[in-house]
Protein backbone atom coordinates (compact mmCIF):
# COMPACT_ATOMS: atom_id res chain seq x y z
CA UNK A 1 0.02 0.35 0.15
CA UNK A 2 2.86 2.51 0.78
CA UNK A 3 4.28 1.65 -2.53
CA UNK A 4 0.88 2.91 -4.18
CA UNK A 5 1.21 5.89 -2.09
CA UNK A 6 4.06 7.08 -3.14
CA UNK A 7 3.73 7.29 -6.65
CA UNK A 8 3.21 10.28 -8.41
CA UNK A 9 -0.51 11.44 -9.68
CA UNK A 10 -0.85 11.65 -13.63
CA UNK A 11 -0.70 15.27 -14.80
CA UNK A 12 -2.51 16.88 -17.22
CA UNK A 13 0.36 16.90 -19.91
CA UNK A 14 0.66 13.83 -19.56
CA UNK A 15 -2.74 12.94 -20.05
CA UNK A 16 -2.94 14.26 -23.64
CA UNK A 17 0.44 12.85 -24.57
CA UNK A 18 -1.75 9.34 -23.93
CA UNK A 19 -4.29 10.73 -25.67
CA UNK A 20 -1.79 11.18 -28.91
CA UNK A 21 -2.50 7.16 -29.25
CA UNK A 22 -6.44 7.85 -30.00
CA UNK A 23 -5.41 10.57 -31.79
CA UNK A 24 -3.34 8.12 -34.29
CA UNK A 25 -6.50 5.20 -34.07
CA UNK A 26 -8.63 8.44 -35.19
CA UNK A 27 -6.47 8.98 -38.26
CA UNK A 28 -5.95 5.12 -39.11
CA UNK A 29 -9.88 4.84 -38.92
CA UNK A 30 -9.86 7.85 -41.67
CA UNK A 31 -7.65 5.65 -43.83
CA UNK A 32 -9.76 2.39 -43.50
CA UNK A 33 -13.43 4.12 -43.84
CA UNK A 34 -12.20 7.26 -45.42
CA UNK A 35 -9.91 6.47 -48.27
CA UNK A 36 -9.76 2.83 -48.62
CA UNK A 37 -13.99 2.12 -49.06
CA UNK A 38 -14.26 5.31 -51.08
CA UNK A 39 -11.32 3.75 -53.59
CA UNK A 40 -13.76 0.70 -53.65
CA UNK A 41 -17.10 1.57 -54.15
CA UNK A 42 -16.76 4.51 -56.63
CA UNK A 43 -12.92 4.25 -58.30
CA UNK A 44 -12.98 0.42 -58.50
CA UNK A 45 -16.70 -0.32 -58.73
CA UNK A 46 -16.55 -2.70 -55.56
CA UNK A 47 -20.01 -4.32 -55.11
CA UNK A 48 -20.64 -1.62 -51.65
CA UNK A 49 -21.92 -5.07 -49.50
CA UNK A 50 -18.88 -6.29 -50.00
CA UNK A 51 -16.13 -2.95 -49.33
CA UNK A 52 -18.36 -2.65 -46.28
CA UNK A 53 -18.45 -6.48 -45.40
CA UNK A 54 -14.58 -6.51 -45.53
CA UNK A 55 -14.05 -3.52 -43.53
CA UNK A 56 -16.67 -4.15 -40.58
CA UNK A 57 -14.51 -7.04 -40.15
CA UNK A 58 -12.05 -5.64 -37.85
CA UNK A 59 -15.13 -4.52 -35.45
CA UNK A 60 -16.39 -8.49 -35.44
CA UNK A 61 -13.23 -9.66 -34.06
CA UNK A 62 -13.29 -7.43 -31.14
CA UNK A 63 -14.38 -10.38 -28.56
CA UNK A 64 -10.77 -11.38 -29.03
CA UNK A 65 -10.30 -8.14 -26.72
CA UNK A 66 -11.13 -10.33 -23.59
CA UNK A 67 -7.88 -12.41 -24.55
CA UNK A 68 -5.72 -9.57 -24.89
CA UNK A 69 -6.54 -8.03 -22.03
CA UNK A 70 -5.81 -11.33 -19.90
CA UNK A 71 -2.58 -11.62 -21.63
CA UNK A 72 -1.34 -8.32 -20.70
CA UNK A 73 -2.39 -8.79 -17.16
CA UNK A 74 -0.60 -12.37 -17.14
CA UNK A 75 2.17 -12.08 -18.94
CA UNK A 76 4.84 -8.66 -19.54
CA UNK A 77 6.19 -8.09 -23.11
CA UNK A 78 9.18 -6.16 -22.95
CA UNK A 79 9.25 -6.30 -19.49
CA UNK A 80 5.77 -4.11 -19.22
CA UNK A 81 2.32 -5.10 -18.87
CA UNK A 82 0.58 -2.80 -20.94
CA UNK A 83 3.54 -0.79 -23.21
CA UNK A 84 5.00 -3.65 -24.69
CA UNK A 85 1.37 -5.08 -26.57
CA UNK A 86 0.66 -1.68 -27.49
CA UNK A 87 3.74 -0.92 -29.16
CA UNK A 88 3.48 -4.61 -30.62
CA UNK A 89 -0.14 -4.26 -32.03
CA UNK A 90 0.49 -0.19 -33.23
CA UNK A 91 3.68 -1.98 -35.47
CA UNK A 92 1.15 -4.56 -36.66
CA UNK A 93 -1.83 -2.98 -37.59
CA UNK A 94 -0.12 0.03 -39.16
CA UNK A 95 1.76 -2.36 -41.34
CA UNK A 96 -1.41 -4.47 -42.11
CA UNK A 97 -3.22 -1.11 -43.19
CA UNK A 98 -0.61 -1.04 -46.43
CA UNK A 99 -0.94 -4.91 -47.09
CA UNK A 100 -4.92 -4.23 -46.99
CA UNK A 101 -4.20 -1.29 -49.58
CA UNK A 102 -2.14 -3.80 -51.74
CA UNK A 103 -5.14 -6.53 -51.59
CA UNK A 104 -7.50 -3.46 -53.14
CA UNK A 105 -5.43 -3.12 -55.93
CA UNK A 106 -5.57 -6.82 -56.82
CA UNK A 107 -9.28 -6.80 -56.09
CA UNK A 108 -9.79 -4.30 -58.42
CA UNK A 109 -7.24 -5.12 -61.35
CA UNK A 110 -9.20 -8.69 -61.33
CA UNK A 111 -12.27 -6.98 -61.38
CA UNK A 112 -11.58 -5.26 -64.13
CA UNK A 113 -10.13 -8.23 -66.19
CA UNK A 114 -12.35 -10.90 -65.16
CA UNK A 115 -15.51 -9.43 -63.57
CA UNK A 116 -16.66 -11.39 -60.72
CA UNK A 117 -15.31 -14.94 -61.10
CA UNK A 118 -13.45 -17.15 -58.60
CA UNK A 119 -9.86 -15.18 -58.36
CA UNK A 120 -11.62 -11.83 -57.92
CA UNK A 121 -14.23 -13.47 -54.83
CA UNK A 122 -10.68 -14.95 -53.74
CA UNK A 123 -9.20 -11.36 -53.44
CA UNK A 124 -12.16 -10.31 -51.68
CA UNK A 125 -12.10 -12.96 -49.10
CA UNK A 126 -8.37 -12.33 -48.78
CA UNK A 127 -9.13 -8.48 -48.23
CA UNK A 128 -12.02 -9.79 -45.82
CA UNK A 129 -9.29 -12.07 -43.90
CA UNK A 130 -6.84 -8.78 -43.64
CA UNK A 131 -9.27 -6.75 -41.86
CA UNK A 132 -9.74 -9.65 -39.48
CA UNK A 133 -5.85 -9.45 -38.63
CA UNK A 134 -6.45 -5.69 -38.78
CA UNK A 135 -8.99 -5.50 -35.77
CA UNK A 136 -6.82 -8.21 -33.76
CA UNK A 137 -3.65 -5.77 -33.87
CA UNK A 138 -5.57 -3.26 -33.17
CA UNK A 139 -7.52 -4.84 -30.16
CA UNK A 140 -4.04 -6.13 -29.02
CA UNK A 141 -2.31 -2.40 -29.06
CA UNK A 142 -6.07 -0.50 -27.62
CA UNK A 143 -6.76 -3.38 -24.99
CA UNK A 144 -4.02 -2.81 -23.13
CA UNK A 145 -3.90 0.66 -23.96
CA UNK A 146 -7.38 1.03 -22.11
CA UNK A 147 -6.47 -1.03 -19.10
CA UNK A 148 -3.19 1.01 -18.90
CA UNK A 149 -5.37 4.05 -18.52
CA UNK A 150 -7.16 2.25 -15.79
CA UNK A 151 -3.87 1.55 -14.21
CA UNK A 152 -2.07 4.80 -14.05
CA UNK A 153 -5.27 6.69 -12.60
CA UNK A 154 -7.26 6.95 -9.54
CA UNK A 155 -10.91 6.45 -8.85
CA UNK A 156 -10.65 10.91 -8.86
CA UNK A 157 -9.02 11.63 -12.26
CA UNK A 158 -9.77 8.60 -14.36
CA UNK A 159 -13.00 10.13 -15.98
CA UNK A 160 -11.12 13.32 -16.75
CA UNK A 161 -8.45 11.45 -18.53
CA UNK A 162 -11.04 9.04 -20.41
CA UNK A 163 -12.73 12.38 -21.56
CA UNK A 164 -9.03 13.75 -22.88
CA UNK A 165 -8.30 10.42 -24.70
CA UNK A 166 -11.50 9.90 -26.06
CA UNK A 167 -11.57 13.63 -27.44
CA UNK A 168 -8.37 13.51 -28.80
CA UNK A 169 -9.77 10.31 -31.23
CA UNK A 170 -12.04 12.99 -32.95
CA UNK A 171 -9.02 15.67 -32.83
CA UNK A 172 -7.05 12.36 -34.89
CA UNK A 173 -10.02 12.29 -37.66
CA UNK A 174 -10.22 15.76 -38.21
CA UNK A 175 -6.22 16.17 -38.74
CA UNK A 176 -5.78 13.02 -40.28
CA UNK A 177 -8.44 14.23 -42.80
CA UNK A 178 -6.65 17.69 -43.42
CA UNK A 179 -3.35 15.71 -43.85
CA UNK A 180 -4.43 12.78 -46.36
CA UNK A 181 -6.15 15.29 -47.88
CA UNK A 182 -3.46 17.33 -48.61
CA UNK A 183 -1.09 14.10 -49.93
CA UNK A 184 -4.16 12.96 -52.10
CA UNK A 185 -4.54 16.51 -53.75
CA UNK A 186 -2.95 15.80 -57.13
CA UNK A 187 -4.79 16.35 -60.35
CA UNK A 188 -3.77 12.74 -61.34
CA UNK A 189 -6.49 11.01 -59.57
CA UNK A 190 -9.30 13.24 -59.89
CA UNK A 191 -12.46 13.11 -62.40
CA UNK A 192 -11.80 12.18 -65.81
CA UNK A 193 -7.92 12.15 -65.46
CA UNK A 194 -7.99 8.80 -63.55
CA UNK A 195 -10.02 7.04 -66.37
CA UNK A 196 -8.38 4.78 -68.77
CA UNK A 197 -11.09 5.41 -70.96
CA UNK A 198 -13.13 8.10 -70.35
CA UNK A 199 -15.65 7.41 -73.05
CA UNK A 200 -16.57 3.93 -73.11
CA UNK A 201 -17.38 3.94 -69.27
CA UNK A 202 -15.95 4.69 -65.80
CA UNK A 203 -12.79 2.43 -65.71
CA UNK A 204 -10.06 3.54 -63.58
CA UNK A 205 -6.29 3.47 -64.36
CA UNK A 206 -4.97 1.41 -61.30
CA UNK A 207 -1.38 2.45 -61.32
CA UNK A 208 -2.37 5.98 -61.58
CA UNK A 209 -4.26 5.38 -58.33
CA UNK A 210 -1.24 3.24 -56.92
CA UNK A 211 1.07 6.27 -57.46
CA UNK A 212 -0.73 8.71 -55.11
CA UNK A 213 -2.20 6.80 -52.35
CA UNK A 214 0.70 3.87 -51.70
CA UNK A 215 2.64 6.80 -50.02
CA UNK A 216 -0.26 7.86 -48.03
CA UNK A 217 -0.55 4.09 -46.70
CA UNK A 218 3.29 4.34 -46.05
CA UNK A 219 3.63 8.11 -44.21
CA UNK A 220 0.21 8.15 -42.35
CA UNK A 221 0.63 5.17 -40.83
CA UNK A 222 4.35 5.89 -40.07
CA UNK A 223 3.27 9.25 -38.24
CA UNK A 224 0.21 6.95 -36.34
CA UNK A 225 3.17 4.03 -34.65
CA UNK A 226 5.56 7.60 -33.98
CA UNK A 227 2.31 8.94 -31.98
CA UNK A 228 1.92 5.24 -30.03
CA UNK A 229 5.30 5.67 -29.06
CA UNK A 230 5.44 9.12 -27.89
CA UNK A 231 2.44 8.70 -26.25
CA UNK A 232 3.46 5.62 -24.23
CA UNK A 233 7.09 6.01 -23.39
CA UNK A 234 8.06 5.70 -19.86
CA UNK A 235 4.13 6.65 -18.94
CA UNK A 236 3.50 2.89 -17.65
CA UNK A 237 7.09 2.50 -15.82
CA UNK A 238 6.37 6.02 -14.03
CA UNK A 239 2.52 5.91 -12.71
CA UNK A 240 1.27 2.49 -13.32
CA UNK A 241 -0.37 1.01 -9.75
CA UNK A 242 -0.98 -2.23 -11.31
CA UNK A 243 1.23 -4.08 -9.03
CA UNK A 244 -0.30 -2.95 -5.74
CA UNK A 245 -3.81 -2.91 -6.95
CA UNK A 246 -6.22 -5.99 -6.44
CA UNK A 247 -6.68 -8.44 -9.20
CA UNK A 248 -10.31 -7.71 -8.70
CA UNK A 249 -10.17 -4.48 -10.50
CA UNK A 250 -13.22 -4.64 -12.66
CA UNK A 251 -12.27 -3.46 -16.21
CA UNK A 252 -14.09 -3.53 -19.64
CA UNK A 253 -12.00 -5.50 -21.67
CA UNK A 254 -12.24 -8.79 -19.09
CA UNK A 255 -15.89 -9.41 -20.75
CA UNK A 256 -17.12 -11.90 -23.00
CA UNK A 257 -19.59 -11.43 -25.56
CA UNK A 258 -21.84 -14.10 -24.50
CA UNK A 259 -21.80 -12.53 -20.83
CA UNK A 260 -21.89 -8.89 -22.26
CA UNK A 261 -25.20 -9.92 -23.84
CA UNK A 262 -26.19 -11.53 -20.24
CA UNK A 263 -25.44 -8.53 -18.72
CA UNK A 264 -27.40 -6.23 -21.17
CA UNK A 265 -30.61 -8.21 -21.26
CA UNK A 266 -30.51 -9.33 -17.30
CA UNK A 267 -33.91 -7.37 -16.40
CA UNK A 268 -36.76 -5.57 -18.39
CA UNK A 269 -35.17 -2.12 -18.18
CA UNK A 270 -31.58 -3.36 -19.22
CA UNK A 271 -32.69 -4.94 -22.17
CA UNK A 272 -34.88 -2.04 -23.16
CA UNK A 273 -31.93 0.33 -22.95
CA UNK A 274 -29.41 -1.94 -24.26
CA UNK A 275 -32.22 -2.18 -27.38
CA UNK A 276 -32.03 1.42 -27.00
CA UNK A 277 -28.12 1.64 -27.67
CA UNK A 278 -28.23 -0.98 -30.46
CA UNK A 279 -30.83 1.14 -32.37
CA UNK A 280 -28.92 4.46 -31.84
CA UNK A 281 -25.72 3.11 -32.68
CA UNK A 282 -26.71 1.12 -35.88
CA UNK A 283 -28.62 4.33 -36.76
CA UNK A 284 -25.73 6.66 -36.23
CA UNK A 285 -23.10 4.89 -38.20
CA UNK A 286 -24.49 3.41 -41.26
CA UNK A 287 -23.30 6.20 -43.29
CA UNK A 288 -19.84 5.58 -42.11
CA UNK A 289 -19.24 3.02 -45.20
CA UNK A 290 -20.67 5.25 -47.68
CA UNK A 291 -20.50 8.66 -47.21
CA UNK A 292 -17.14 9.31 -48.89
CA UNK A 293 -18.62 7.33 -52.06
CA UNK A 294 -21.61 9.61 -51.69
CA UNK A 295 -19.18 12.85 -51.85
CA UNK A 296 -17.38 11.17 -54.82
CA UNK A 297 -20.39 9.81 -57.21
CA UNK A 298 -23.21 12.26 -56.42
CA UNK A 299 -21.16 15.37 -55.37
CA UNK A 300 -18.30 14.33 -58.49
CA UNK A 301 -15.67 15.52 -55.31
CA UNK A 302 -12.22 14.21 -56.16
CA UNK A 303 -10.99 11.52 -53.32
CA UNK A 304 -8.96 14.93 -51.54
CA UNK A 305 -12.10 16.16 -51.06
CA UNK A 306 -14.51 13.61 -49.96
CA UNK A 307 -11.80 13.12 -47.41
CA UNK A 308 -12.16 16.49 -45.96
CA UNK A 309 -15.98 15.66 -45.51
CA UNK A 310 -14.40 14.18 -42.34
CA UNK A 311 -13.70 17.91 -40.72
CA UNK A 312 -17.07 19.15 -40.45
CA UNK A 313 -18.42 16.02 -38.94
CA UNK A 314 -15.63 15.64 -36.57
CA UNK A 315 -15.36 19.18 -35.64
CA UNK A 316 -19.26 18.99 -34.55
CA UNK A 317 -18.80 16.10 -33.00
CA UNK A 318 -16.35 17.71 -30.54
CA UNK A 319 -18.15 20.82 -29.98
CA UNK A 320 -21.09 18.69 -29.47
CA UNK A 321 -19.70 16.41 -26.41
CA UNK A 322 -17.96 19.36 -25.23
CA UNK A 323 -20.66 21.60 -24.66
CA UNK A 324 -23.68 19.15 -23.89
CA UNK A 325 -21.63 18.64 -20.57
CA UNK A 326 -21.95 22.18 -19.41
CA UNK A 327 -24.75 23.55 -21.10
CA UNK A 328 -27.32 21.08 -22.34
CA UNK A 329 -27.43 18.26 -19.68
CA UNK A 330 -27.87 20.59 -16.67
CA UNK A 331 -30.96 22.21 -18.39
CA UNK A 332 -32.75 19.83 -20.28
CA UNK A 333 -31.90 16.46 -18.22
CA UNK A 334 -30.32 13.21 -19.77
CA UNK A 335 -33.63 12.00 -21.37
CA UNK A 336 -33.97 14.88 -23.37
CA UNK A 337 -30.94 15.65 -24.43
CA UNK A 338 -31.01 12.40 -25.81
CA UNK A 339 -33.94 13.01 -27.52
CA UNK A 340 -33.22 16.38 -29.05
CA UNK A 341 -29.75 14.74 -30.06
CA UNK A 342 -31.56 12.07 -32.14
CA UNK A 343 -34.05 14.34 -33.63
CA UNK A 344 -31.07 16.56 -34.66
CA UNK A 345 -29.42 13.94 -36.28
CA UNK A 346 -32.95 13.04 -38.11
CA UNK A 347 -32.94 16.48 -39.27
CA UNK A 348 -29.24 16.69 -40.40
CA UNK A 349 -29.65 12.89 -42.28
CA UNK A 350 -32.54 14.60 -44.30
CA UNK A 351 -30.39 17.61 -45.32
CA UNK A 352 -27.66 15.18 -46.12
CA UNK A 353 -30.29 13.51 -48.72
CA UNK A 354 -31.76 16.91 -50.19
CA UNK A 355 -28.19 18.36 -50.62
CA UNK A 356 -27.75 15.14 -53.13
CA UNK A 357 -30.86 16.21 -54.92
CA UNK A 358 -29.54 19.88 -54.87
CA UNK A 359 -25.96 18.72 -56.03
CA UNK A 360 -25.04 21.33 -53.34
CA UNK A 361 -21.87 20.71 -51.46
CA UNK A 362 -21.90 23.57 -49.11
CA UNK A 363 -25.55 22.17 -48.08
CA UNK A 364 -23.57 18.61 -47.58
CA UNK A 365 -20.82 19.87 -45.10
CA UNK A 366 -23.20 22.02 -43.27
CA UNK A 367 -25.37 19.38 -42.99
CA UNK A 368 -22.35 17.01 -42.03
CA UNK A 369 -21.33 19.68 -39.23
CA UNK A 370 -24.80 19.75 -37.74
CA UNK A 371 -24.85 15.82 -37.65
CA UNK A 372 -21.52 15.88 -36.12
CA UNK A 373 -23.14 18.25 -33.33
CA UNK A 374 -26.17 16.05 -33.00
CA UNK A 375 -24.00 12.75 -32.75
CA UNK A 376 -21.90 14.51 -30.08
CA UNK A 377 -25.08 15.67 -28.17
CA UNK A 378 -26.37 11.90 -28.24
CA UNK A 379 -23.44 10.22 -27.29
CA UNK A 380 -22.73 12.59 -24.20
CA UNK A 381 -26.52 12.32 -22.99
CA UNK A 382 -26.38 8.62 -23.66
CA UNK A 383 -23.25 8.13 -21.88
CA UNK A 384 -24.11 9.86 -18.88
CA UNK A 385 -27.87 8.43 -18.98
CA UNK A 386 -25.85 4.90 -19.50
CA UNK A 387 -24.03 5.77 -15.93
CA UNK A 388 -27.26 6.90 -14.29
CA UNK A 389 -28.70 3.21 -14.88
CA UNK A 390 -26.46 0.83 -13.27
CA UNK A 391 -25.04 0.34 -9.62
CA UNK A 392 -21.98 1.57 -9.22
CA UNK A 393 -20.78 -1.67 -7.84
CA UNK A 394 -21.18 -3.11 -11.14
CA UNK A 395 -20.78 0.03 -13.41
CA UNK A 396 -17.39 -1.28 -14.80
CA UNK A 397 -19.21 -4.29 -15.76
CA UNK A 398 -22.07 -2.68 -17.94
CA UNK A 399 -19.71 0.00 -19.14
CA UNK A 400 -17.60 -2.96 -20.47
CA UNK A 401 -20.34 -4.95 -21.81
CA UNK A 402 -21.73 -2.16 -23.45
CA UNK A 403 -18.41 -0.80 -25.02
CA UNK A 404 -18.27 -4.57 -26.49
CA UNK A 405 -22.27 -4.71 -27.80
CA UNK A 406 -21.22 -1.21 -29.29
CA UNK A 407 -17.85 -2.29 -31.37
CA UNK A 408 -20.12 -5.22 -32.42
CA UNK A 409 -23.32 -2.88 -33.56
CA UNK A 410 -20.79 -0.59 -35.27
CA UNK A 411 -19.95 -3.46 -37.39
CA UNK A 412 -23.23 -4.45 -38.16
CA UNK A 413 -23.85 -0.85 -38.93
CA UNK A 414 -21.06 -0.56 -41.98
CA UNK A 415 -22.48 -3.62 -43.35
CA UNK A 416 -26.08 -2.77 -43.51
CA UNK A 417 -25.09 0.91 -44.92
CA UNK A 418 -23.07 -1.14 -47.48
CA UNK A 419 -25.68 -3.75 -48.52
CA UNK A 420 -28.58 -0.84 -48.06
CA UNK A 421 -26.77 0.50 -50.82
CA UNK A 422 -26.27 -1.99 -52.62
CA UNK A 423 -29.97 -2.80 -52.82
CA UNK A 424 -30.38 0.78 -53.63
CA UNK A 425 -28.32 0.81 -56.74
CA UNK A 426 -30.34 -2.74 -57.81
CA UNK A 427 -33.78 -0.92 -57.46
CA UNK A 428 -32.47 2.73 -58.92
CA UNK A 429 -30.75 4.01 -61.41
CA UNK A 430 -29.78 7.52 -60.10
CA UNK A 431 -27.14 7.18 -57.46
CA UNK A 432 -28.66 9.87 -55.38
CA UNK A 433 -32.06 7.78 -54.63
CA UNK A 434 -29.44 4.93 -53.81
CA UNK A 435 -27.59 6.60 -51.60
CA UNK A 436 -30.82 8.48 -49.64
CA UNK A 437 -32.30 5.16 -48.77
CA UNK A 438 -29.24 4.92 -46.20
CA UNK A 439 -29.62 8.36 -45.42
CA UNK A 440 -33.57 8.18 -45.23
CA UNK A 441 -33.46 4.36 -42.95
CA UNK A 442 -30.71 5.81 -40.83
CA UNK A 443 -33.36 8.77 -40.07
CA UNK A 444 -36.25 6.27 -39.26
CA UNK A 445 -33.82 4.63 -36.85
CA UNK A 446 -33.22 7.82 -35.00
CA UNK A 447 -36.87 8.19 -34.56
CA UNK A 448 -37.53 4.47 -33.61
CA UNK A 449 -34.56 4.69 -31.03
CA UNK A 450 -36.41 7.87 -29.30
CA UNK A 451 -39.83 5.73 -29.50
CA UNK A 452 -37.35 3.26 -27.20
CA UNK A 453 -35.96 5.55 -25.18
CA UNK A 454 -39.54 6.88 -23.94
CA UNK A 455 -39.86 3.38 -22.47
CA UNK A 456 -36.66 3.24 -20.38
CA UNK A 457 -37.49 4.13 -16.79
CA UNK A 458 -34.60 5.22 -14.59
CA UNK A 459 -36.09 4.51 -11.17
CA UNK A 460 -37.29 0.83 -12.44
CA UNK A 461 -34.11 0.43 -13.46
CA UNK A 462 -32.03 1.04 -10.48
CA UNK A 463 -34.41 -0.92 -8.56
CA UNK A 464 -34.34 -4.10 -10.51
CA UNK A 465 -31.36 -3.89 -12.47
CA UNK A 466 -28.85 -4.01 -9.15
CA UNK A 467 -30.65 -7.52 -8.43
CA UNK A 468 -30.46 -8.76 -12.20
CA UNK A 469 -26.76 -7.93 -12.69
CA UNK A 470 -25.84 -9.29 -9.77
CA UNK A 471 -27.50 -12.85 -10.29
CA UNK A 472 -25.98 -12.83 -13.86
CA UNK A 473 -21.92 -11.74 -12.56
CA UNK A 474 -22.59 -14.59 -9.33
CA UNK A 475 -23.27 -17.41 -12.27
CA UNK A 476 -20.65 -16.79 -14.08
CA UNK A 477 -18.61 -16.55 -10.74
CA UNK A 478 -19.93 -20.11 -10.18
CA UNK A 479 -19.81 -21.01 -13.76
C-alpha cells in the first residue's frame, strides 16, 4: 500500500500525451473508412456490400480483446504489462493497413480483367481476412492501452483522463482528414484524369491511383506508429499502480460477448436500454461506409475532397460533446438531451439527402457539421444516462458490456450501410436515390430510438437491474 501512496499522480500534460495514441487511431479509421472504402466503391466499382463487409471485419473480431486483456495482465512483453502490447500491436496494424491496400489493388485489377469470378472472389475473401487481422492487431494494442488508463489513474482523475483521451480520437479524425487530403490532392487521380477510357464507361487507371495513394498508406501509418510511441514511452513505468492493486479491479476488457449480452438483457429495463443503444448506434454509423463514395458519385468530388468531409463532422462532434456536459445536460436532463440529439441527427440526415438532390456541396458540409453536433449531444447524453442506469458496484461490468456490444453494432452498421446501398443501386438508376435510401433509413432508425427511449424508466432500472446484474455475475463466478 505504501508503494501505491508514493506513486506520482498523472498530470494534465501526460493525459494529453496519452491521448496521442487515440489520435493515431482516429487517423487510421480515416484511412480505412475514409479512403479505402471510397476507392473500392467509387473508383474500382466493388459492390458496396462486399467493400463494407470486408472493412467491418475489424469490428467483428472485437470479442478477442478479452484474451488480449488477460494476456497483458499475465505475461509482460518487453518488460511491461501494457506498453509492450501497445507498441507491438501498433507496429502490426500500421503495417497491415498497407497490406490491405495492396490487396484492394489486386481486387480492382481482377474485377476489371475478369469481372466477378473465382479469382476476384478469392481477393475479396483475402481482404476480409486481412481486415480481421487488422482488427486483432488493433485489439492487441488498444485493449492493453485502455487497461493502462485504469492502471495509471485513480478514481478522482480517471473520468478526466478518459474524456481527454476520447476527445483526441475526434481530433485525430480531423487532423488525419486534413493531412491525407493534402497528400491526395493531385489532379492525376481526380475526375476524368483517372479513367483509362473516359468515353467507354468508368474504368479507373489503377497504376495511377497506386502512385498517389500508396505513399499516403506509408506516411500516415508511420506518423501513427510514432504517435503511439510518444504517447506511451515511460508512462507505465512512472505512473502504473498495477502491481499494488487487487486483481479484482473490474475492467472493460475482461468481458466476453456472451457475458455482455447476458448483462445487457438481465432485466426488462437493461434489455430496453440495450435495444435503444443498439438501434441508436446502428442508425448513427450506417453512413460510415457510404459518405465518401456519396461525395464522389453524387457530387463529383475528388478523393482529397471526400476525405475532407470528415472535418465538419469531427469538429461538430467535438463541440457537441464539449458543450452538452456544461450547457445542455444541466438544463434539459439526460433523457431529453438524448431525445433532442436523436431529433437533430434525424433532421441532418434528411438535409444530407436533400443536399444530394440539389447537388449542393456547401449544404452537404453544413449538414455534416450539424450531424456531428447532434451525434456529440447524443453520445454525451447517452453516456451520462448509461452511468445513471446502473449500480456503482457493477458500473465497470455494464460499461464494458456496452463497449463490446457497441463495437459489434458499429460493425453491423457498416455492413447494413453497404447492403442498403447495394440494394438501392439495384432498385434505382440514379445514385442519389440509392444513397438517399441509406440516410432516410438511418433517420427512421433515430425516430425508433426515441420511441424506445420513452419506455426506459430510470427508477425501475435502479430498483431491479442491480439484482438482475448481480445474479448474472454470481452465475459467471460459479460457472
